[in-house]
Amino acid sequence: MDENDQTIETAERFYRAGQYGNARRLARQIAKSASSTDEKNRAAHILKATGIDPAAVVAFAVTGGLLLFLIFRYVL
């Protein structure tokens, strides 16, 4: 990533290319420093789209808990 090319268009290009880490990092910087509300809204959209899904966190935690239960109940 070019250090001088920190525009919302670059963040959107990263997002479309599937480079979500770069898109999120750049959108976070833009959301803090942008002067126009349009850029802040576009950056917020990228941040929301690349954020962690709460349902996935819950599913991961439940699955892990079930796995631990099964291990302690039937293996140990």
PDB file of N, CA and C in Angstrom:
ATOM      1  N   MET A   1       0.842  -1.173   0.000  1.00  0.00           N
ATOM      2  CA  MET A   1       0.000   0.000   0.000  1.00  0.00           C
ATOM      3  C   MET A   1       0.887   1.236   0.000  1.00  0.00           C
ATOM      4  N   ASP A   2       0.626   2.130  -0.898  1.00  0.00           N
ATOM      5  CA  ASP A   2       1.367   3.372  -0.992  1.00  0.00           C
ATOM      6  C   ASP A   2       0.959   4.286   0.154  1.00  0.00           C
ATOM      7  N   GLU A   3       1.922   4.790   0.901  1.00  0.00           N
ATOM      8  CA  GLU A   3       1.635   5.628   2.062  1.00  0.00           C
ATOM      9  C   GLU A   3       0.944   6.930   1.675  1.00  0.00           C
ATOM     10  N   ASN A   4       1.173   7.439   0.472  1.00  0.00           N
ATOM     11  CA  ASN A   4       0.588   8.706   0.057  1.00  0.00           C
ATOM     12  C   ASN A   4      -0.827   8.544  -0.492  1.00  0.00           C
ATOM     13  N   ASP A   5      -1.229   7.340  -0.811  1.00  0.00           N
ATOM     14  CA  ASP A   5      -2.521   7.099  -1.428  1.00  0.00           C
ATOM     15  C   ASP A   5      -3.513   6.635  -0.365  1.00  0.00           C
ATOM     16  N   GLN A   6      -3.940   7.559   0.489  1.00  0.00           N
ATOM     17  CA  GLN A   6      -4.847   7.216   1.576  1.00  0.00           C
ATOM     18  C   GLN A   6      -6.181   7.916   1.379  1.00  0.00           C
ATOM     19  N   THR A   7      -6.889   7.531   0.346  1.00  0.00           N
ATOM     20  CA  THR A   7      -8.188   8.110   0.044  1.00  0.00           C
ATOM     21  C   THR A   7      -9.260   7.056   0.234  1.00  0.00           C
ATOM     22  N   ILE A   8     -10.484   7.517   0.305  1.00  0.00           N
ATOM     23  CA  ILE A   8     -11.600   6.587   0.454  1.00  0.00           C
ATOM     24  C   ILE A   8     -11.733   5.704  -0.779  1.00  0.00           C
ATOM     25  N   GLU A   9     -11.364   6.235  -1.943  1.00  0.00           N
ATOM     26  CA  GLU A   9     -11.414   5.425  -3.159  1.00  0.00           C
ATOM     27  C   GLU A   9     -10.439   4.257  -3.066  1.00  0.00           C
ATOM     28  N   THR A  10      -9.286   4.483  -2.468  1.00  0.00           N
ATOM     29  CA  THR A  10      -8.313   3.405  -2.289  1.00  0.00           C
ATOM     30  C   THR A  10      -8.866   2.354  -1.341  1.00  0.00           C
ATOM     31  N   ALA A  11      -9.490   2.798  -0.264  1.00  0.00           N
ATOM     32  CA  ALA A  11     -10.090   1.853   0.677  1.00  0.00           C
ATOM     33  C   ALA A  11     -11.173   1.033  -0.007  1.00  0.00           C
ATOM     34  N   GLU A  12     -11.989   1.685  -0.830  1.00  0.00           N
ATOM     35  CA  GLU A  12     -13.023   0.958  -1.556  1.00  0.00           C
ATOM     36  C   GLU A  12     -12.437  -0.006  -2.578  1.00  0.00           C
ATOM     37  N   ARG A  13     -11.334   0.384  -3.193  1.00  0.00           N
ATOM     38  CA  ARG A  13     -10.655  -0.511  -4.141  1.00  0.00           C
ATOM     39  C   ARG A  13     -10.122  -1.745  -3.410  1.00  0.00           C
ATOM     40  N   PHE A  14      -9.531  -1.540  -2.237  1.00  0.00           N
ATOM     41  CA  PHE A  14      -9.067  -2.675  -1.430  1.00  0.00           C
ATOM     42  C   PHE A  14     -10.236  -3.590  -1.078  1.00  0.00           C
ATOM     43  N   TYR A  15     -11.353  -2.991  -0.693  1.00  0.00           N
ATOM     44  CA  TYR A  15     -12.525  -3.784  -0.304  1.00  0.00           C
ATOM     45  C   TYR A  15     -13.030  -4.614  -1.483  1.00  0.00           C
ATOM     46  N   ARG A  16     -13.152  -4.007  -2.651  1.00  0.00           N
ATOM     47  CA  ARG A  16     -13.620  -4.737  -3.834  1.00  0.00           C
ATOM     48  C   ARG A  16     -12.648  -5.836  -4.237  1.00  0.00           C
ATOM     49  N   ALA A  17     -11.359  -5.637  -3.966  1.00  0.00           N
ATOM     50  CA  ALA A  17     -10.351  -6.637  -4.324  1.00  0.00           C
ATOM     51  C   ALA A  17     -10.245  -7.744  -3.279  1.00  0.00           C
ATOM     52  N   GLY A  18     -10.988  -7.618  -2.182  1.00  0.00           N
ATOM     53  CA  GLY A  18     -10.943  -8.647  -1.151  1.00  0.00           C
ATOM     54  C   GLY A  18      -9.829  -8.470  -0.146  1.00  0.00           C
ATOM     55  N   GLN A  19      -9.179  -7.331  -0.162  1.00  0.00           N
ATOM     56  CA  GLN A  19      -8.108  -7.046   0.802  1.00  0.00           C
ATOM     57  C   GLN A  19      -8.733  -6.322   1.999  1.00  0.00           C
ATOM     58  N   TYR A  20      -9.475  -7.084   2.794  1.00  0.00           N
ATOM     59  CA  TYR A  20     -10.285  -6.499   3.849  1.00  0.00           C
ATOM     60  C   TYR A  20      -9.455  -5.890   4.975  1.00  0.00           C
ATOM     61  N   GLY A  21      -8.318  -6.448   5.267  1.00  0.00           N
ATOM     62  CA  GLY A  21      -7.454  -5.878   6.303  1.00  0.00           C
ATOM     63  C   GLY A  21      -6.970  -4.493   5.922  1.00  0.00           C
ATOM     64  N   ASN A  22      -6.493  -4.354   4.695  1.00  0.00           N
ATOM     65  CA  ASN A  22      -6.044  -3.041   4.223  1.00  0.00           C
ATOM     66  C   ASN A  22      -7.207  -2.064   4.140  1.00  0.00           C
ATOM     67  N   ALA A  23      -8.356  -2.532   3.662  1.00  0.00           N
ATOM     68  CA  ALA A  23      -9.531  -1.660   3.551  1.00  0.00           C
ATOM     69  C   ALA A  23      -9.959  -1.174   4.923  1.00  0.00           C
ATOM     70  N   ARG A  24      -9.984  -2.067   5.887  1.00  0.00           N
ATOM     71  CA  ARG A  24     -10.404  -1.690   7.247  1.00  0.00           C
ATOM     72  C   ARG A  24      -9.416  -0.723   7.885  1.00  0.00           C
ATOM     73  N   ARG A  25      -8.137  -0.986   7.722  1.00  0.00           N
ATOM     74  CA  ARG A  25      -7.104  -0.123   8.308  1.00  0.00           C
ATOM     75  C   ARG A  25      -7.198   1.291   7.727  1.00  0.00           C
ATOM     76  N   LEU A  26      -7.324   1.380   6.432  1.00  0.00           N
ATOM     77  CA  LEU A  26      -7.399   2.679   5.781  1.00  0.00           C
ATOM     78  C   LEU A  26      -8.720   3.385   6.097  1.00  0.00           C
ATOM     79  N   ALA A  27      -9.823   2.650   6.125  1.00  0.00           N
ATOM     80  CA  ALA A  27     -11.123   3.253   6.449  1.00  0.00           C
ATOM     81  C   ALA A  27     -11.132   3.795   7.874  1.00  0.00           C
ATOM     82  N   ARG A  28     -10.463   3.113   8.791  1.00  0.00           N
ATOM     83  CA  ARG A  28     -10.381   3.596  10.173  1.00  0.00           C
ATOM     84  C   ARG A  28      -9.643   4.927  10.230  1.00  0.00           C
ATOM     85  N   GLN A  29      -8.551   5.041   9.473  1.00  0.00           N
ATOM     86  CA  GLN A  29      -7.806   6.304   9.423  1.00  0.00           C
ATOM     87  C   GLN A  29      -8.646   7.412   8.800  1.00  0.00           C
ATOM     88  N   ILE A  30      -9.354   7.087   7.739  1.00  0.00           N
ATOM     89  CA  ILE A  30     -10.167   8.084   7.039  1.00  0.00           C
ATOM     90  C   ILE A  30     -11.329   8.536   7.922  1.00  0.00           C
ATOM     91  N   ALA A  31     -11.946   7.606   8.641  1.00  0.00           N
ATOM     92  CA  ALA A  31     -13.072   7.958   9.509  1.00  0.00           C
ATOM     93  C   ALA A  31     -12.650   8.947  10.588  1.00  0.00           C
ATOM     94  N   LYS A  32     -11.421   8.837  11.052  1.00  0.00           N
ATOM     95  CA  LYS A  32     -10.931   9.758  12.079  1.00  0.00           C
ATOM     96  C   LYS A  32     -10.564  11.120  11.517  1.00  0.00           C
ATOM     97  N   SER A  33     -10.039  11.162  10.299  1.00  0.00           N
ATOM     98  CA  SER A  33      -9.461  12.404   9.796  1.00  0.00           C
ATOM     99  C   SER A  33     -10.233  13.064   8.663  1.00  0.00           C
ATOM    100  N   ALA A  34     -11.282  12.435   8.158  1.00  0.00           N
ATOM    101  CA  ALA A  34     -12.002  12.995   7.005  1.00  0.00           C
ATOM    102  C   ALA A  34     -12.748  14.262   7.401  1.00  0.00           C
ATOM    103  N   SER A  35     -12.792  15.198   6.465  1.00  0.00           N
ATOM    104  CA  SER A  35     -13.498  16.451   6.728  1.00  0.00           C
ATOM    105  C   SER A  35     -14.936  16.401   6.234  1.00  0.00           C
ATOM    106  N   SER A  36     -15.212  15.638   5.194  1.00  0.00           N
ATOM    107  CA  SER A  36     -16.576  15.589   4.659  1.00  0.00           C
ATOM    108  C   SER A  36     -17.356  14.425   5.259  1.00  0.00           C
ATOM    109  N   THR A  37     -18.654  14.639   5.418  1.00  0.00           N
ATOM    110  CA  THR A  37     -19.494  13.576   5.966  1.00  0.00           C
ATOM    111  C   THR A  37     -19.646  12.422   4.988  1.00  0.00           C
ATOM    112  N   ASP A  38     -19.556  12.708   3.685  1.00  0.00           N
ATOM    113  CA  ASP A  38     -19.644  11.639   2.690  1.00  0.00           C
ATOM    114  C   ASP A  38     -18.496  10.649   2.866  1.00  0.00           C
ATOM    115  N   GLU A  39     -17.280  11.155   3.027  1.00  0.00           N
ATOM    116  CA  GLU A  39     -16.126  10.258   3.229  1.00  0.00           C
ATOM    117  C   GLU A  39     -16.269   9.496   4.534  1.00  0.00           C
ATOM    118  N   LYS A  40     -16.735  10.168   5.591  1.00  0.00           N
ATOM    119  CA  LYS A  40     -16.918   9.474   6.874  1.00  0.00           C
ATOM    120  C   LYS A  40     -17.972   8.379   6.759  1.00  0.00           C
ATOM    121  N   ASN A  41     -19.062   8.653   6.036  1.00  0.00           N
ATOM    122  CA  ASN A  41     -20.106   7.644   5.848  1.00  0.00           C
ATOM    123  C   ASN A  41     -19.597   6.454   5.033  1.00  0.00           C
ATOM    124  N   ARG A  42     -18.833   6.726   3.984  1.00  0.00           N
ATOM    125  CA  ARG A  42     -18.280   5.646   3.166  1.00  0.00           C
ATOM    126  C   ARG A  42     -17.279   4.814   3.970  1.00  0.00           C
ATOM    127  N   ALA A  43     -16.473   5.483   4.790  1.00  0.00           N
ATOM    128  CA  ALA A  43     -15.522   4.763   5.643  1.00  0.00           C
ATOM    129  C   ALA A  43     -16.269   3.930   6.680  1.00  0.00           C
ATOM    130  N   ALA A  44     -17.339   4.486   7.247  1.00  0.00           N
ATOM    131  CA  ALA A  44     -18.133   3.737   8.227  1.00  0.00           C
ATOM    132  C   ALA A  44     -18.769   2.508   7.593  1.00  0.00           C
ATOM    133  N   HIS A  45     -19.187   2.630   6.338  1.00  0.00           N
ATOM    134  CA  HIS A  45     -19.769   1.490   5.636  1.00  0.00           C
ATOM    135  C   HIS A  45     -18.737   0.368   5.489  1.00  0.00           C
ATOM    136  N   ILE A  46     -17.516   0.717   5.123  1.00  0.00           N
ATOM    137  CA  ILE A  46     -16.454  -0.289   4.986  1.00  0.00           C
ATOM    138  C   ILE A  46     -16.157  -0.927   6.339  1.00  0.00           C
ATOM    139  N   LEU A  47     -16.096  -0.099   7.392  1.00  0.00           N
ATOM    140  CA  LEU A  47     -15.819  -0.637   8.724  1.00  0.00           C
ATOM    141  C   LEU A  47     -16.927  -1.586   9.172  1.00  0.00           C
ATOM    142  N   LYS A  48     -18.175  -1.230   8.882  1.00  0.00           N
ATOM    143  CA  LYS A  48     -19.285  -2.105   9.253  1.00  0.00           C
ATOM    144  C   LYS A  48     -19.257  -3.401   8.452  1.00  0.00           C
ATOM    145  N   ALA A  49     -18.948  -3.309   7.173  1.00  0.00           N
ATOM    146  CA  ALA A  49     -18.948  -4.492   6.309  1.00  0.00           C
ATOM    147  C   ALA A  49     -17.801  -5.452   6.631  1.00  0.00           C
ATOM    148  N   THR A  50     -16.711  -4.939   7.173  1.00  0.00           N
ATOM    149  CA  THR A  50     -15.557  -5.788   7.454  1.00  0.00           C
ATOM    150  C   THR A  50     -15.409  -6.110   8.940  1.00  0.00           C
ATOM    151  N   GLY A  51     -16.374  -5.691   9.736  1.00  0.00           N
ATOM    152  CA  GLY A  51     -16.304  -5.943  11.176  1.00  0.00           C
ATOM    153  C   GLY A  51     -16.606  -7.391  11.519  1.00  0.00           C
ATOM    154  N   ILE A  52     -16.423  -7.716  12.774  1.00  0.00           N
ATOM    155  CA  ILE A  52     -16.684  -9.065  13.260  1.00  0.00           C
ATOM    156  C   ILE A  52     -18.187  -9.230  13.456  1.00  0.00           C
ATOM    157  N   ASP A  53     -18.724 -10.315  12.947  1.00  0.00           N
ATOM    158  CA  ASP A  53     -20.142 -10.601  13.071  1.00  0.00           C
ATOM    159  C   ASP A  53     -20.417 -11.163  14.469  1.00  0.00           C
ATOM    160  N   PRO A  54     -21.275 -10.507  15.255  1.00  0.00           N
ATOM    161  CA  PRO A  54     -21.553 -10.999  16.606  1.00  0.00           C
ATOM    162  C   PRO A  54     -22.137 -12.413  16.622  1.00  0.00           C
ATOM    163  N   ALA A  55     -22.918 -12.761  15.614  1.00  0.00           N
ATOM    164  CA  ALA A  55     -23.476 -14.115  15.559  1.00  0.00           C
ATOM    165  C   ALA A  55     -22.372 -15.156  15.403  1.00  0.00           C
ATOM    166  N   ALA A  56     -21.329 -14.817  14.653  1.00  0.00           N
ATOM    167  CA  ALA A  56     -20.212 -15.749  14.485  1.00  0.00           C
ATOM    168  C   ALA A  56     -19.465 -15.940  15.804  1.00  0.00           C
ATOM    169  N   VAL A  57     -19.339 -14.879  16.576  1.00  0.00           N
ATOM    170  CA  VAL A  57     -18.671 -14.973  17.883  1.00  0.00           C
ATOM    171  C   VAL A  57     -19.465 -15.881  18.811  1.00  0.00           C
ATOM    172  N   VAL A  58     -20.774 -15.694  18.837  1.00  0.00           N
ATOM    173  CA  VAL A  58     -21.633 -16.535  19.691  1.00  0.00           C
ATOM    174  C   VAL A  58     -21.566 -17.990  19.238  1.00  0.00           C
ATOM    175  N   ALA A  59     -21.643 -18.228  17.942  1.00  0.00           N
ATOM    176  CA  ALA A  59     -21.584 -19.599  17.431  1.00  0.00           C
ATOM    177  C   ALA A  59     -20.250 -20.249  17.769  1.00  0.00           C
ATOM    178  N   PHE A  60     -19.170 -19.496  17.651  1.00  0.00           N
ATOM    179  CA  PHE A  60     -17.840 -20.024  17.987  1.00  0.00           C
ATOM    180  C   PHE A  60     -17.762 -20.369  19.477  1.00  0.00           C
ATOM    181  N   ALA A  61     -18.287 -19.496  20.330  1.00  0.00           N
ATOM    182  CA  ALA A  61     -18.245 -19.732  21.775  1.00  0.00           C
ATOM    183  C   ALA A  61     -19.096 -20.947  22.159  1.00  0.00           C
ATOM    184  N   VAL A  62     -20.275 -21.069  21.583  1.00  0.00           N
ATOM    185  CA  VAL A  62     -21.145 -22.212  21.885  1.00  0.00           C
ATOM    186  C   VAL A  62     -20.505 -23.508  21.411  1.00  0.00           C
ATOM    187  N   THR A  63     -19.929 -23.492  20.230  1.00  0.00           N
ATOM    188  CA  THR A  63     -19.266 -24.683  19.703  1.00  0.00           C
ATOM    189  C   THR A  63     -18.085 -25.083  20.579  1.00  0.00           C
ATOM    190  N   GLY A  64     -17.301 -24.092  20.998  1.00  0.00           N
ATOM    191  CA  GLY A  64     -16.178 -24.392  21.883  1.00  0.00           C
ATOM    192  C   GLY A  64     -16.640 -24.958  23.212  1.00  0.00           C
ATOM    193  N   GLY A  65     -17.700 -24.387  23.760  1.00  0.00           N
ATOM    194  CA  GLY A  65     -18.235 -24.905  25.015  1.00  0.00           C
ATOM    195  C   GLY A  65     -18.741 -26.325  24.878  1.00  0.00           C
ATOM    196  N   LEU A  66     -19.438 -26.608  23.793  1.00  0.00           N
ATOM    197  CA  LEU A  66     -19.918 -27.958  23.546  1.00  0.00           C
ATOM    198  C   LEU A  66     -18.761 -28.938  23.390  1.00  0.00           C
ATOM    199  N   LEU A  67     -17.735 -28.518  22.686  1.00  0.00           N
ATOM    200  CA  LEU A  67     -16.563 -29.382  22.509  1.00  0.00           C
ATOM    201  C   LEU A  67     -15.900 -29.679  23.852  1.00  0.00           C
ATOM    202  N   LEU A  68     -15.745 -28.666  24.688  1.00  0.00           N
ATOM    203  CA  LEU A  68     -15.165 -28.894  26.016  1.00  0.00           C
ATOM    204  C   LEU A  68     -16.031 -29.822  26.853  1.00  0.00           C
ATOM    205  N   PHE A  69     -17.326 -29.629  26.817  1.00  0.00           N
ATOM    206  CA  PHE A  69     -18.235 -30.515  27.542  1.00  0.00           C
ATOM    207  C   PHE A  69     -18.057 -31.964  27.098  1.00  0.00           C
ATOM    208  N   LEU A  70     -18.051 -32.172  25.774  1.00  0.00           N
ATOM    209  CA  LEU A  70     -17.919 -33.532  25.261  1.00  0.00           C
ATOM    210  C   LEU A  70     -16.587 -34.164  25.637  1.00  0.00           C
ATOM    211  N   ILE A  71     -15.530 -33.378  25.622  1.00  0.00           N
ATOM    212  CA  ILE A  71     -14.208 -33.901  25.991  1.00  0.00           C
ATOM    213  C   ILE A  71     -14.194 -34.315  27.465  1.00  0.00           C
ATOM    214  N   PHE A  72     -14.692 -33.424  28.331  1.00  0.00           N
ATOM    215  CA  PHE A  72     -14.662 -33.738  29.764  1.00  0.00           C
ATOM    216  C   PHE A  72     -15.645 -34.846  30.116  1.00  0.00           C
ATOM    217  N   ARG A  73     -16.733 -34.963  29.407  1.00  0.00           N
ATOM    218  CA  ARG A  73     -17.741 -35.961  29.702  1.00  0.00           C
ATOM    219  C   ARG A  73     -17.357 -37.342  29.196  1.00  0.00           C
ATOM    220  N   TYR A  74     -16.796 -37.426  27.976  1.00  0.00           N
ATOM    221  CA  TYR A  74     -16.580 -38.727  27.356  1.00  0.00           C
ATOM    222  C   TYR A  74     -15.128 -39.114  27.154  1.00  0.00           C
ATOM    223  N   VAL A  75     -14.204 -38.182  27.279  1.00  0.00           N
ATOM    224  CA  VAL A  75     -12.802 -38.535  27.017  1.00  0.00           C
ATOM    225  C   VAL A  75     -12.016 -38.609  28.319  1.00  0.00           C
ATOM    226  N   LEU A  76     -12.174 -37.654  29.169  1.00  0.00           N
ATOM    227  CA  LEU A  76     -11.365 -37.634  30.399  1.00  0.00           C
ATOM    228  C   LEU A  76     -12.020 -38.361  31.538  1.00  0.00           C
TER     229      LEU A  76
END
